[in-house]
Amino acid sequence: MQLSRQAIFLFTLNFFDGILTIYWIYNDFATEGNELMAGLLELGYLPFIVVKTAVGAITALTLWRWGNLRLAKYGLNLLLGIYIGLMGVHCLTGLSGFGFISEASISRFTYWADVVIAFVA
C-alpha cells in the first residue's frame, strides 16, 4: 500500500475510533481507558472528537511527510496494526453491548488476550 494511502487509512481509523468511543460511552457500553481523553469527555463530546481528530491528523501527516525514513515506515505500520486491533475491540464491544456475546465469552477472550500479551511481552 502506498504511504499516502496508509496515512489516510490511519487517520480514518483514528476518526472512527473517536466516533465509536463516543457511541459506546453514550450508550453505557464502555468507558474511556485513556485518562487524558476521559478528561476531555467530561468537557463534552465536541472537545473530545476535535482533539482526537487533530492528534490523528498531526500523526498521519507527520508520518506521511517523513515517510522516506525507515522509522516512519515502521511506525506507520505499527500504528496501523494497533488501530486495526482496536477496531476488533470495538467490534467485540458492540457485539457485547447489543447482547450477541455473553459476559462469560468476553471473560474468556480477556483471559486469552492477557495470556498472549504476557507471552509476547
PDB file of N, CA and C in Angstrom:
ATOM      1  N   MET A   1       0.853  -1.175   0.000  1.00  0.00           N
ATOM      2  CA  MET A   1       0.000   0.000   0.000  1.00  0.00           C
ATOM      3  C   MET A   1       0.897   1.236   0.000  1.00  0.00           C
ATOM      4  N   GLN A   2       0.507   2.262  -0.751  1.00  0.00           N
ATOM      5  CA  GLN A   2       1.272   3.500  -0.792  1.00  0.00           C
ATOM      6  C   GLN A   2       1.244   4.180   0.566  1.00  0.00           C
ATOM      7  N   LEU A   3       2.312   4.914   0.851  1.00  0.00           N
ATOM      8  CA  LEU A   3       2.436   5.585   2.140  1.00  0.00           C
ATOM      9  C   LEU A   3       1.298   6.582   2.364  1.00  0.00           C
ATOM     10  N   SER A   4       0.913   7.320   1.326  1.00  0.00           N
ATOM     11  CA  SER A   4      -0.168   8.295   1.492  1.00  0.00           C
ATOM     12  C   SER A   4      -1.488   7.593   1.813  1.00  0.00           C
ATOM     13  N   ARG A   5      -1.722   6.466   1.185  1.00  0.00           N
ATOM     14  CA  ARG A   5      -2.955   5.714   1.487  1.00  0.00           C
ATOM     15  C   ARG A   5      -2.923   5.171   2.908  1.00  0.00           C
ATOM     16  N   GLN A   6      -1.752   4.725   3.335  1.00  0.00           N
ATOM     17  CA  GLN A   6      -1.628   4.230   4.711  1.00  0.00           C
ATOM     18  C   GLN A   6      -1.897   5.352   5.707  1.00  0.00           C
ATOM     19  N   ALA A   7      -1.379   6.543   5.444  1.00  0.00           N
ATOM     20  CA  ALA A   7      -1.591   7.682   6.347  1.00  0.00           C
ATOM     21  C   ALA A   7      -3.075   8.057   6.394  1.00  0.00           C
ATOM     22  N   ILE A   8      -3.729   8.057   5.237  1.00  0.00           N
ATOM     23  CA  ILE A   8      -5.169   8.358   5.201  1.00  0.00           C
ATOM     24  C   ILE A   8      -5.956   7.270   5.929  1.00  0.00           C
ATOM     25  N   PHE A   9      -5.560   6.026   5.747  1.00  0.00           N
ATOM     26  CA  PHE A   9      -6.220   4.910   6.433  1.00  0.00           C
ATOM     27  C   PHE A   9      -6.049   5.039   7.947  1.00  0.00           C
ATOM     28  N   LEU A  10      -4.847   5.428   8.398  1.00  0.00           N
ATOM     29  CA  LEU A  10      -4.605   5.629   9.824  1.00  0.00           C
ATOM     30  C   LEU A  10      -5.509   6.732  10.372  1.00  0.00           C
ATOM     31  N   PHE A  11      -5.604   7.842   9.655  1.00  0.00           N
ATOM     32  CA  PHE A  11      -6.474   8.929  10.093  1.00  0.00           C
ATOM     33  C   PHE A  11      -7.929   8.483  10.149  1.00  0.00           C
ATOM     34  N   THR A  12      -8.356   7.726   9.139  1.00  0.00           N
ATOM     35  CA  THR A  12      -9.737   7.238   9.106  1.00  0.00           C
ATOM     36  C   THR A  12     -10.031   6.320  10.291  1.00  0.00           C
ATOM     37  N   LEU A  13      -9.107   5.403  10.583  1.00  0.00           N
ATOM     38  CA  LEU A  13      -9.290   4.516  11.735  1.00  0.00           C
ATOM     39  C   LEU A  13      -9.336   5.312  13.030  1.00  0.00           C
ATOM     40  N   ASN A  14      -8.493   6.334  13.146  1.00  0.00           N
ATOM     41  CA  ASN A  14      -8.481   7.181  14.331  1.00  0.00           C
ATOM     42  C   ASN A  14      -9.816   7.901  14.494  1.00  0.00           C
ATOM     43  N   PHE A  15     -10.348   8.423  13.395  1.00  0.00           N
ATOM     44  CA  PHE A  15     -11.631   9.121  13.442  1.00  0.00           C
ATOM     45  C   PHE A  15     -12.754   8.173  13.859  1.00  0.00           C
ATOM     46  N   PHE A  16     -12.811   6.990  13.250  1.00  0.00           N
ATOM     47  CA  PHE A  16     -13.842   6.023  13.614  1.00  0.00           C
ATOM     48  C   PHE A  16     -13.689   5.558  15.061  1.00  0.00           C
ATOM     49  N   ASP A  17     -12.458   5.470  15.545  1.00  0.00           N
ATOM     50  CA  ASP A  17     -12.229   5.133  16.948  1.00  0.00           C
ATOM     51  C   ASP A  17     -12.887   6.174  17.846  1.00  0.00           C
ATOM     52  N   GLY A  18     -12.732   7.441  17.514  1.00  0.00           N
ATOM     53  CA  GLY A  18     -13.354   8.503  18.308  1.00  0.00           C
ATOM     54  C   GLY A  18     -14.874   8.442  18.271  1.00  0.00           C
ATOM     55  N   ILE A  19     -15.426   8.263  17.081  1.00  0.00           N
ATOM     56  CA  ILE A  19     -16.891   8.201  16.937  1.00  0.00           C
ATOM     57  C   ILE A  19     -17.457   6.993  17.681  1.00  0.00           C
ATOM     58  N   LEU A  20     -16.828   5.826  17.509  1.00  0.00           N
ATOM     59  CA  LEU A  20     -17.315   4.627  18.192  1.00  0.00           C
ATOM     60  C   LEU A  20     -17.165   4.743  19.710  1.00  0.00           C
ATOM     61  N   THR A  21     -16.073   5.362  20.160  1.00  0.00           N
ATOM     62  CA  THR A  21     -15.886   5.558  21.598  1.00  0.00           C
ATOM     63  C   THR A  21     -17.018   6.405  22.167  1.00  0.00           C
ATOM     64  N   ILE A  22     -17.354   7.476  21.492  1.00  0.00           N
ATOM     65  CA  ILE A  22     -18.463   8.331  21.949  1.00  0.00           C
ATOM     66  C   ILE A  22     -19.762   7.536  21.967  1.00  0.00           C
ATOM     67  N   TYR A  23     -20.003   6.741  20.938  1.00  0.00           N
ATOM     68  CA  TYR A  23     -21.237   5.952  20.877  1.00  0.00           C
ATOM     69  C   TYR A  23     -21.308   4.961  22.042  1.00  0.00           C
ATOM     70  N   TRP A  24     -20.216   4.241  22.303  1.00  0.00           N
ATOM     71  CA  TRP A  24     -20.225   3.245  23.386  1.00  0.00           C
ATOM     72  C   TRP A  24     -20.405   3.923  24.733  1.00  0.00           C
ATOM     73  N   ILE A  25     -19.772   5.062  24.928  1.00  0.00           N
ATOM     74  CA  ILE A  25     -19.890   5.765  26.209  1.00  0.00           C
ATOM     75  C   ILE A  25     -21.292   6.338  26.374  1.00  0.00           C
ATOM     76  N   TYR A  26     -21.844   6.922  25.327  1.00  0.00           N
ATOM     77  CA  TYR A  26     -23.185   7.490  25.377  1.00  0.00           C
ATOM     78  C   TYR A  26     -24.224   6.427  25.728  1.00  0.00           C
ATOM     79  N   ASN A  27     -24.051   5.218  25.233  1.00  0.00           N
ATOM     80  CA  ASN A  27     -24.991   4.126  25.493  1.00  0.00           C
ATOM     81  C   ASN A  27     -24.585   3.262  26.684  1.00  0.00           C
ATOM     82  N   ASP A  28     -23.611   3.693  27.466  1.00  0.00           N
ATOM     83  CA  ASP A  28     -23.143   2.992  28.672  1.00  0.00           C
ATOM     84  C   ASP A  28     -22.648   1.579  28.382  1.00  0.00           C
ATOM     85  N   PHE A  29     -22.036   1.374  27.209  1.00  0.00           N
ATOM     86  CA  PHE A  29     -21.443   0.080  26.891  1.00  0.00           C
ATOM     87  C   PHE A  29     -19.988   0.013  27.332  1.00  0.00           C
ATOM     88  N   ALA A  30     -19.332   1.178  27.456  1.00  0.00           N
ATOM     89  CA  ALA A  30     -17.903   1.197  27.774  1.00  0.00           C
ATOM     90  C   ALA A  30     -17.537   2.522  28.420  1.00  0.00           C
ATOM     91  N   THR A  31     -16.290   2.593  28.879  1.00  0.00           N
ATOM     92  CA  THR A  31     -15.721   3.831  29.398  1.00  0.00           C
ATOM     93  C   THR A  31     -14.429   4.113  28.642  1.00  0.00           C
ATOM     94  N   GLU A  32     -13.963   5.335  28.717  1.00  0.00           N
ATOM     95  CA  GLU A  32     -12.706   5.710  28.059  1.00  0.00           C
ATOM     96  C   GLU A  32     -11.537   5.259  28.917  1.00  0.00           C
ATOM     97  N   GLY A  33     -10.622   4.512  28.326  1.00  0.00           N
ATOM     98  CA  GLY A  33      -9.479   3.977  29.058  1.00  0.00           C
ATOM     99  C   GLY A  33      -8.341   4.962  29.207  1.00  0.00           C
ATOM    100  N   ASN A  34      -8.247   5.940  28.323  1.00  0.00           N
ATOM    101  CA  ASN A  34      -7.182   6.939  28.363  1.00  0.00           C
ATOM    102  C   ASN A  34      -7.625   8.074  29.288  1.00  0.00           C
ATOM    103  N   GLU A  35      -6.884   8.296  30.356  1.00  0.00           N
ATOM    104  CA  GLU A  35      -7.280   9.301  31.354  1.00  0.00           C
ATOM    105  C   GLU A  35      -7.328  10.715  30.775  1.00  0.00           C
ATOM    106  N   LEU A  36      -6.396  11.050  29.882  1.00  0.00           N
ATOM    107  CA  LEU A  36      -6.406  12.387  29.279  1.00  0.00           C
ATOM    108  C   LEU A  36      -7.650  12.585  28.420  1.00  0.00           C
ATOM    109  N   MET A  37      -7.967  11.580  27.622  1.00  0.00           N
ATOM    110  CA  MET A  37      -9.152  11.683  26.770  1.00  0.00           C
ATOM    111  C   MET A  37     -10.435  11.621  27.604  1.00  0.00           C
ATOM    112  N   ALA A  38     -10.402  10.883  28.708  1.00  0.00           N
ATOM    113  CA  ALA A  38     -11.568  10.840  29.599  1.00  0.00           C
ATOM    114  C   ALA A  38     -11.845  12.228  30.174  1.00  0.00           C
ATOM    115  N   GLY A  39     -10.770  12.961  30.476  1.00  0.00           N
ATOM    116  CA  GLY A  39     -10.938  14.335  30.951  1.00  0.00           C
ATOM    117  C   GLY A  39     -11.590  15.220  29.901  1.00  0.00           C
ATOM    118  N   LEU A  40     -11.220  15.029  28.651  1.00  0.00           N
ATOM    119  CA  LEU A  40     -11.856  15.789  27.569  1.00  0.00           C
ATOM    120  C   LEU A  40     -13.321  15.401  27.410  1.00  0.00           C
ATOM    121  N   LEU A  41     -13.622  14.125  27.611  1.00  0.00           N
ATOM    122  CA  LEU A  41     -15.019  13.689  27.511  1.00  0.00           C
ATOM    123  C   LEU A  41     -15.887  14.336  28.585  1.00  0.00           C
ATOM    124  N   GLU A  42     -15.287  14.626  29.735  1.00  0.00           N
ATOM    125  CA  GLU A  42     -16.047  15.309  30.789  1.00  0.00           C
ATOM    126  C   GLU A  42     -16.440  16.722  30.361  1.00  0.00           C
ATOM    127  N   LEU A  43     -15.643  17.316  29.466  1.00  0.00           N
ATOM    128  CA  LEU A  43     -15.972  18.645  28.938  1.00  0.00           C
ATOM    129  C   LEU A  43     -17.044  18.576  27.859  1.00  0.00           C
ATOM    130  N   GLY A  44     -17.201  17.416  27.254  1.00  0.00           N
ATOM    131  CA  GLY A  44     -18.208  17.241  26.210  1.00  0.00           C
ATOM    132  C   GLY A  44     -17.666  16.412  25.063  1.00  0.00           C
ATOM    133  N   TYR A  45     -18.572  16.018  24.176  1.00  0.00           N
ATOM    134  CA  TYR A  45     -18.183  15.180  23.054  1.00  0.00           C
ATOM    135  C   TYR A  45     -17.401  15.963  21.999  1.00  0.00           C
ATOM    136  N   LEU A  46     -17.751  17.231  21.802  1.00  0.00           N
ATOM    137  CA  LEU A  46     -17.075  18.020  20.776  1.00  0.00           C
ATOM    138  C   LEU A  46     -15.591  18.230  21.083  1.00  0.00           C
ATOM    139  N   PRO A  47     -15.210  18.657  22.298  1.00  0.00           N
ATOM    140  CA  PRO A  47     -13.771  18.776  22.571  1.00  0.00           C
ATOM    141  C   PRO A  47     -13.030  17.453  22.401  1.00  0.00           C
ATOM    142  N   PHE A  48     -13.663  16.354  22.793  1.00  0.00           N
ATOM    143  CA  PHE A  48     -13.049  15.042  22.655  1.00  0.00           C
ATOM    144  C   PHE A  48     -12.764  14.728  21.189  1.00  0.00           C
ATOM    145  N   ILE A  49     -13.764  14.876  20.329  1.00  0.00           N
ATOM    146  CA  ILE A  49     -13.593  14.483  18.928  1.00  0.00           C
ATOM    147  C   ILE A  49     -12.664  15.455  18.196  1.00  0.00           C
ATOM    148  N   VAL A  50     -12.671  16.736  18.575  1.00  0.00           N
ATOM    149  CA  VAL A  50     -11.773  17.708  17.944  1.00  0.00           C
ATOM    150  C   VAL A  50     -10.319  17.363  18.267  1.00  0.00           C
ATOM    151  N   VAL A  51     -10.025  17.113  19.546  1.00  0.00           N
ATOM    152  CA  VAL A  51      -8.654  16.781  19.936  1.00  0.00           C
ATOM    153  C   VAL A  51      -8.250  15.429  19.354  1.00  0.00           C
ATOM    154  N   LYS A  52      -9.131  14.451  19.418  1.00  0.00           N
ATOM    155  CA  LYS A  52      -8.835  13.119  18.877  1.00  0.00           C
ATOM    156  C   LYS A  52      -8.517  13.200  17.383  1.00  0.00           C
ATOM    157  N   THR A  53      -9.324  13.952  16.647  1.00  0.00           N
ATOM    158  CA  THR A  53      -9.117  14.103  15.214  1.00  0.00           C
ATOM    159  C   THR A  53      -7.841  14.895  14.925  1.00  0.00           C
ATOM    160  N   ALA A  54      -7.584  15.937  15.691  1.00  0.00           N
ATOM    161  CA  ALA A  54      -6.378  16.743  15.483  1.00  0.00           C
ATOM    162  C   ALA A  54      -5.119  15.922  15.733  1.00  0.00           C
ATOM    163  N   VAL A  55      -5.102  15.152  16.808  1.00  0.00           N
ATOM    164  CA  VAL A  55      -3.941  14.307  17.107  1.00  0.00           C
ATOM    165  C   VAL A  55      -3.745  13.274  15.996  1.00  0.00           C
ATOM    166  N   GLY A  56      -4.824  12.676  15.538  1.00  0.00           N
ATOM    167  CA  GLY A  56      -4.737  11.705  14.450  1.00  0.00           C
ATOM    168  C   GLY A  56      -4.236  12.332  13.163  1.00  0.00           C
ATOM    169  N   ALA A  57      -4.715  13.536  12.860  1.00  0.00           N
ATOM    170  CA  ALA A  57      -4.286  14.223  11.637  1.00  0.00           C
ATOM    171  C   ALA A  57      -2.811  14.603  11.710  1.00  0.00           C
ATOM    172  N   ILE A  58      -2.384  15.134  12.843  1.00  0.00           N
ATOM    173  CA  ILE A  58      -0.975  15.516  13.001  1.00  0.00           C
ATOM    174  C   ILE A  58      -0.077  14.288  12.902  1.00  0.00           C
ATOM    175  N   THR A  59      -0.491  13.201  13.524  1.00  0.00           N
ATOM    176  CA  THR A  59       0.298  11.966  13.461  1.00  0.00           C
ATOM    177  C   THR A  59       0.394  11.445  12.028  1.00  0.00           C
ATOM    178  N   ALA A  60      -0.734  11.368  11.353  1.00  0.00           N
ATOM    179  CA  ALA A  60      -0.742  10.858   9.975  1.00  0.00           C
ATOM    180  C   ALA A  60       0.088  11.755   9.049  1.00  0.00           C
ATOM    181  N   LEU A  61      -0.063  13.071   9.197  1.00  0.00           N
ATOM    182  CA  LEU A  61       0.703  13.984   8.356  1.00  0.00           C
ATOM    183  C   LEU A  61       2.202  13.905   8.640  1.00  0.00           C
ATOM    184  N   THR A  62       2.562  13.776   9.899  1.00  0.00           N
ATOM    185  CA  THR A  62       3.974  13.659  10.259  1.00  0.00           C
ATOM    186  C   THR A  62       4.580  12.387   9.682  1.00  0.00           C
ATOM    187  N   LEU A  63       3.888  11.280   9.843  1.00  0.00           N
ATOM    188  CA  LEU A  63       4.400  10.018   9.307  1.00  0.00           C
ATOM    189  C   LEU A  63       4.446  10.032   7.781  1.00  0.00           C
ATOM    190  N   TRP A  64       3.479  10.698   7.160  1.00  0.00           N
ATOM    191  CA  TRP A  64       3.475  10.794   5.699  1.00  0.00           C
ATOM    192  C   TRP A  64       4.600  11.694   5.217  1.00  0.00           C
ATOM    193  N   ARG A  65       4.800  12.831   5.904  1.00  0.00           N
ATOM    194  CA  ARG A  65       5.828  13.802   5.496  1.00  0.00           C
ATOM    195  C   ARG A  65       7.224  13.187   5.556  1.00  0.00           C
ATOM    196  N   TRP A  66       7.514  12.446   6.598  1.00  0.00           N
ATOM    197  CA  TRP A  66       8.828  11.832   6.744  1.00  0.00           C
ATOM    198  C   TRP A  66       8.783  10.348   6.413  1.00  0.00           C
ATOM    199  N   GLY A  67       7.925  10.003   5.487  1.00  0.00           N
ATOM    200  CA  GLY A  67       7.755   8.618   5.079  1.00  0.00           C
ATOM    201  C   GLY A  67       8.962   8.011   4.393  1.00  0.00           C
ATOM    202  N   ASN A  68       9.895   8.850   3.960  1.00  0.00           N
ATOM    203  CA  ASN A  68      11.103   8.325   3.335  1.00  0.00           C
ATOM    204  C   ASN A  68      12.051   7.706   4.369  1.00  0.00           C
ATOM    205  N   LEU A  69      11.837   8.011   5.642  1.00  0.00           N
ATOM    206  CA  LEU A  69      12.659   7.441   6.708  1.00  0.00           C
ATOM    207  C   LEU A  69      12.125   6.065   7.103  1.00  0.00           C
ATOM    208  N   ARG A  70      13.026   5.166   7.357  1.00  0.00           N
ATOM    209  CA  ARG A  70      12.652   3.797   7.730  1.00  0.00           C
ATOM    210  C   ARG A  70      11.818   3.794   9.019  1.00  0.00           C
ATOM    211  N   LEU A  71      12.198   4.636   9.988  1.00  0.00           N
ATOM    212  CA  LEU A  71      11.470   4.692  11.256  1.00  0.00           C
ATOM    213  C   LEU A  71      10.007   5.094  11.047  1.00  0.00           C
ATOM    214  N   ALA A  72       9.779   6.043  10.149  1.00  0.00           N
ATOM    215  CA  ALA A  72       8.397   6.473   9.869  1.00  0.00           C
ATOM    216  C   ALA A  72       7.593   5.347   9.243  1.00  0.00           C
ATOM    217  N   LYS A  73       8.212   4.589   8.335  1.00  0.00           N
ATOM    218  CA  LYS A  73       7.506   3.463   7.707  1.00  0.00           C
ATOM    219  C   LYS A  73       7.140   2.401   8.739  1.00  0.00           C
ATOM    220  N   TYR A  74       8.090   2.075   9.599  1.00  0.00           N
ATOM    221  CA  TYR A  74       7.809   1.089  10.649  1.00  0.00           C
ATOM    222  C   TYR A  74       6.770   1.616  11.636  1.00  0.00           C
ATOM    223  N   GLY A  75       6.898   2.884  11.994  1.00  0.00           N
ATOM    224  CA  GLY A  75       5.936   3.480  12.918  1.00  0.00           C
ATOM    225  C   GLY A  75       4.526   3.483  12.371  1.00  0.00           C
ATOM    226  N   LEU A  76       4.406   3.812  11.091  1.00  0.00           N
ATOM    227  CA  LEU A  76       3.094   3.829  10.455  1.00  0.00           C
ATOM    228  C   LEU A  76       2.489   2.432  10.418  1.00  0.00           C
ATOM    229  N   ASN A  77       3.289   1.445  10.063  1.00  0.00           N
ATOM    230  CA  ASN A  77       2.790   0.063  10.050  1.00  0.00           C
ATOM    231  C   ASN A  77       2.419  -0.414  11.450  1.00  0.00           C
ATOM    232  N   LEU A  78       3.203  -0.034  12.445  1.00  0.00           N
ATOM    233  CA  LEU A  78       2.884  -0.402  13.831  1.00  0.00           C
ATOM    234  C   LEU A  78       1.563   0.224  14.264  1.00  0.00           C
ATOM    235  N   LEU A  79       1.397   1.514  13.984  1.00  0.00           N
ATOM    236  CA  LEU A  79       0.150   2.191  14.357  1.00  0.00           C
ATOM    237  C   LEU A  79      -1.051   1.613  13.627  1.00  0.00           C
ATOM    238  N   LEU A  80      -0.885   1.269  12.364  1.00  0.00           N
ATOM    239  CA  LEU A  80      -1.998   0.642  11.635  1.00  0.00           C
ATOM    240  C   LEU A  80      -2.373  -0.693  12.273  1.00  0.00           C
ATOM    241  N   GLY A  81      -1.374  -1.474  12.661  1.00  0.00           N
ATOM    242  CA  GLY A  81      -1.659  -2.739  13.345  1.00  0.00           C
ATOM    243  C   GLY A  81      -2.400  -2.535  14.650  1.00  0.00           C
ATOM    244  N   ILE A  82      -1.976  -1.530  15.415  1.00  0.00           N
ATOM    245  CA  ILE A  82      -2.639  -1.234  16.693  1.00  0.00           C
ATOM    246  C   ILE A  82      -4.084  -0.799  16.455  1.00  0.00           C
ATOM    247  N   TYR A  83      -4.299   0.094  15.492  1.00  0.00           N
ATOM    248  CA  TYR A  83      -5.651   0.586  15.251  1.00  0.00           C
ATOM    249  C   TYR A  83      -6.563  -0.480  14.643  1.00  0.00           C
ATOM    250  N   ILE A  84      -6.027  -1.352  13.827  1.00  0.00           N
ATOM    251  CA  ILE A  84      -6.844  -2.455  13.308  1.00  0.00           C
ATOM    252  C   ILE A  84      -7.260  -3.371  14.456  1.00  0.00           C
ATOM    253  N   GLY A  85      -6.328  -3.633  15.388  1.00  0.00           N
ATOM    254  CA  GLY A  85      -6.677  -4.406  16.585  1.00  0.00           C
ATOM    255  C   GLY A  85      -7.728  -3.692  17.423  1.00  0.00           C
ATOM    256  N   LEU A  86      -7.602  -2.379  17.515  1.00  0.00           N
ATOM    257  CA  LEU A  86      -8.575  -1.595  18.269  1.00  0.00           C
ATOM    258  C   LEU A  86      -9.966  -1.650  17.640  1.00  0.00           C
ATOM    259  N   MET A  87     -10.014  -1.711  16.317  1.00  0.00           N
ATOM    260  CA  MET A  87     -11.312  -1.864  15.649  1.00  0.00           C
ATOM    261  C   MET A  87     -11.929  -3.223  15.995  1.00  0.00           C
ATOM    262  N   GLY A  88     -11.077  -4.233  16.181  1.00  0.00           N
ATOM    263  CA  GLY A  88     -11.568  -5.528  16.647  1.00  0.00           C
ATOM    264  C   GLY A  88     -12.172  -5.427  18.033  1.00  0.00           C
ATOM    265  N   VAL A  89     -11.535  -4.647  18.895  1.00  0.00           N
ATOM    266  CA  VAL A  89     -12.074  -4.418  20.239  1.00  0.00           C
ATOM    267  C   VAL A  89     -13.407  -3.691  20.146  1.00  0.00           C
ATOM    268  N   HIS A  90     -13.518  -2.718  19.258  1.00  0.00           N
ATOM    269  CA  HIS A  90     -14.796  -2.021  19.062  1.00  0.00           C
ATOM    270  C   HIS A  90     -15.879  -2.995  18.587  1.00  0.00           C
ATOM    271  N   CYS A  91     -15.510  -3.919  17.700  1.00  0.00           N
ATOM    272  CA  CYS A  91     -16.484  -4.924  17.243  1.00  0.00           C
ATOM    273  C   CYS A  91     -16.968  -5.779  18.411  1.00  0.00           C
ATOM    274  N   LEU A  92     -16.030  -6.225  19.237  1.00  0.00           N
ATOM    275  CA  LEU A  92     -16.414  -7.026  20.407  1.00  0.00           C
ATOM    276  C   LEU A  92     -17.265  -6.220  21.379  1.00  0.00           C
ATOM    277  N   THR A  93     -16.930  -4.946  21.548  1.00  0.00           N
ATOM    278  CA  THR A  93     -17.725  -4.079  22.423  1.00  0.00           C
ATOM    279  C   THR A  93     -19.149  -3.972  21.912  1.00  0.00           C
ATOM    280  N   GLY A  94     -19.296  -3.788  20.606  1.00  0.00           N
ATOM    281  CA  GLY A  94     -20.631  -3.691  20.025  1.00  0.00           C
ATOM    282  C   GLY A  94     -21.412  -4.985  20.145  1.00  0.00           C
ATOM    283  N   LEU A  95     -20.755  -6.092  19.851  1.00  0.00           N
ATOM    284  CA  LEU A  95     -21.436  -7.388  19.969  1.00  0.00           C
ATOM    285  C   LEU A  95     -21.850  -7.666  21.407  1.00  0.00           C
ATOM    286  N   SER A  96     -20.994  -7.299  22.339  1.00  0.00           N
ATOM    287  CA  SER A  96     -21.319  -7.491  23.754  1.00  0.00           C
ATOM    288  C   SER A  96     -22.426  -6.534  24.200  1.00  0.00           C
ATOM    289  N   GLY A  97     -22.296  -5.284  23.796  1.00  0.00           N
ATOM    290  CA  GLY A  97     -23.281  -4.283  24.195  1.00  0.00           C
ATOM    291  C   GLY A  97     -24.676  -4.573  23.677  1.00  0.00           C
ATOM    292  N   PHE A  98     -24.764  -5.137  22.491  1.00  0.00           N
ATOM    293  CA  PHE A  98     -26.067  -5.460  21.916  1.00  0.00           C
ATOM    294  C   PHE A  98     -26.547  -6.863  22.283  1.00  0.00           C
ATOM    295  N   GLY A  99     -25.773  -7.554  23.125  1.00  0.00           N
ATOM    296  CA  GLY A  99     -26.206  -8.843  23.643  1.00  0.00           C
ATOM    297  C   GLY A  99     -25.905 -10.044  22.770  1.00  0.00           C
ATOM    298  N   PHE A 100     -25.069  -9.908  21.777  1.00  0.00           N
ATOM    299  CA  PHE A 100     -24.732 -11.041  20.904  1.00  0.00           C
ATOM    300  C   PHE A 100     -23.641 -11.929  21.493  1.00  0.00           C
ATOM    301  N   ILE A 101     -22.871 -11.393  22.435  1.00  0.00           N
ATOM    302  CA  ILE A 101     -21.811 -12.155  23.103  1.00  0.00           C
ATOM    303  C   ILE A 101     -22.062 -12.079  24.602  1.00  0.00           C
ATOM    304  N   SER A 102     -21.948 -13.215  25.271  1.00  0.00           N
ATOM    305  CA  SER A 102     -22.217 -13.250  26.708  1.00  0.00           C
ATOM    306  C   SER A 102     -21.028 -12.725  27.497  1.00  0.00           C
ATOM    307  N   GLU A 103     -21.270 -12.404  28.763  1.00  0.00           N
ATOM    308  CA  GLU A 103     -20.204 -11.965  29.672  1.00  0.00           C
ATOM    309  C   GLU A 103     -19.137 -13.043  29.814  1.00  0.00           C
ATOM    310  N   ALA A 104     -19.548 -14.292  29.864  1.00  0.00           N
ATOM    311  CA  ALA A 104     -18.588 -15.394  30.010  1.00  0.00           C
ATOM    312  C   ALA A 104     -17.655 -15.463  28.810  1.00  0.00           C
ATOM    313  N   SER A 105     -18.183 -15.248  27.626  1.00  0.00           N
ATOM    314  CA  SER A 105     -17.340 -15.259  26.424  1.00  0.00           C
ATOM    315  C   SER A 105     -16.336 -14.122  26.449  1.00  0.00           C
ATOM    316  N   ILE A 106     -16.771 -12.961  26.877  1.00  0.00           N
ATOM    317  CA  ILE A 106     -15.864 -11.816  26.983  1.00  0.00           C
ATOM    318  C   ILE A 106     -14.780 -12.099  28.018  1.00  0.00           C
ATOM    319  N   SER A 107     -15.149 -12.714  29.132  1.00  0.00           N
ATOM    320  CA  SER A 107     -14.161 -13.053  30.165  1.00  0.00           C
ATOM    321  C   SER A 107     -13.126 -14.029  29.628  1.00  0.00           C
ATOM    322  N   ARG A 108     -13.569 -15.035  28.880  1.00  0.00           N
ATOM    323  CA  ARG A 108     -12.616 -15.989  28.284  1.00  0.00           C
ATOM    324  C   ARG A 108     -11.708 -15.300  27.283  1.00  0.00           C
ATOM    325  N   PHE A 109     -12.266 -14.432  26.464  1.00  0.00           N
ATOM    326  CA  PHE A 109     -11.465 -13.697  25.488  1.00  0.00           C
ATOM    327  C   PHE A 109     -10.437 -12.823  26.192  1.00  0.00           C
ATOM    328  N   THR A 110     -10.847 -12.141  27.241  1.00  0.00           N
ATOM    329  CA  THR A 110      -9.939 -11.285  28.002  1.00  0.00           C
ATOM    330  C   THR A 110      -8.816 -12.103  28.616  1.00  0.00           C
ATOM    331  N   TYR A 111      -9.148 -13.272  29.145  1.00  0.00           N
ATOM    332  CA  TYR A 111      -8.131 -14.143  29.740  1.00  0.00           C
ATOM    333  C   TYR A 111      -7.087 -14.531  28.696  1.00  0.00           C
ATOM    334  N   TRP A 112      -7.533 -14.990  27.530  1.00  0.00           N
ATOM    335  CA  TRP A 112      -6.597 -15.428  26.497  1.00  0.00           C
ATOM    336  C   TRP A 112      -5.826 -14.259  25.906  1.00  0.00           C
ATOM    337  N   ALA A 113      -6.436 -13.106  25.832  1.00  0.00           N
ATOM    338  CA  ALA A 113      -5.704 -11.924  25.370  1.00  0.00           C
ATOM    339  C   ALA A 113      -4.585 -11.580  26.351  1.00  0.00           C
ATOM    340  N   ASP A 114      -4.879 -11.680  27.660  1.00  0.00           N
ATOM    341  CA  ASP A 114      -3.848 -11.430  28.667  1.00  0.00           C
ATOM    342  C   ASP A 114      -2.728 -12.451  28.584  1.00  0.00           C
ATOM    343  N   VAL A 115      -3.060 -13.694  28.309  1.00  0.00           N
ATOM    344  CA  VAL A 115      -2.044 -14.739  28.176  1.00  0.00           C
ATOM    345  C   VAL A 115      -1.128 -14.436  26.988  1.00  0.00           C
ATOM    346  N   VAL A 116      -1.718 -14.072  25.870  1.00  0.00           N
ATOM    347  CA  VAL A 116      -0.917 -13.769  24.674  1.00  0.00           C
ATOM    348  C   VAL A 116      -0.040 -12.543  24.910  1.00  0.00           C
ATOM    349  N   ILE A 117      -0.582 -11.520  25.522  1.00  0.00           N
ATOM    350  CA  ILE A 117       0.187 -10.303  25.792  1.00  0.00           C
ATOM    351  C   ILE A 117       1.328 -10.607  26.761  1.00  0.00           C
ATOM    352  N   ALA A 118       1.069 -11.409  27.785  1.00  0.00           N
ATOM    353  CA  ALA A 118       2.122 -11.785  28.740  1.00  0.00           C
ATOM    354  C   ALA A 118       3.209 -12.597  28.050  1.00  0.00           C
ATOM    355  N   PHE A 119       2.824 -13.445  27.117  1.00  0.00           N
ATOM    356  CA  PHE A 119       3.786 -14.266  26.392  1.00  0.00           C
ATOM    357  C   PHE A 119       4.656 -13.402  25.474  1.00  0.00           C
ATOM    358  N   VAL A 120       4.043 -12.452  24.801  1.00  0.00           N
ATOM    359  CA  VAL A 120       4.766 -11.585  23.869  1.00  0.00           C
ATOM    360  C   VAL A 120       5.654 -10.591  24.624  1.00  0.00           C
ATOM    361  N   ALA A 121       5.131 -10.063  25.701  1.00  0.00           N
ATOM    362  CA  ALA A 121       5.893  -9.047  26.465  1.00  0.00           C
ATOM    363  C   ALA A 121       6.907  -9.715  27.286  1.00  0.00           C
TER     364      ALA A 121
END
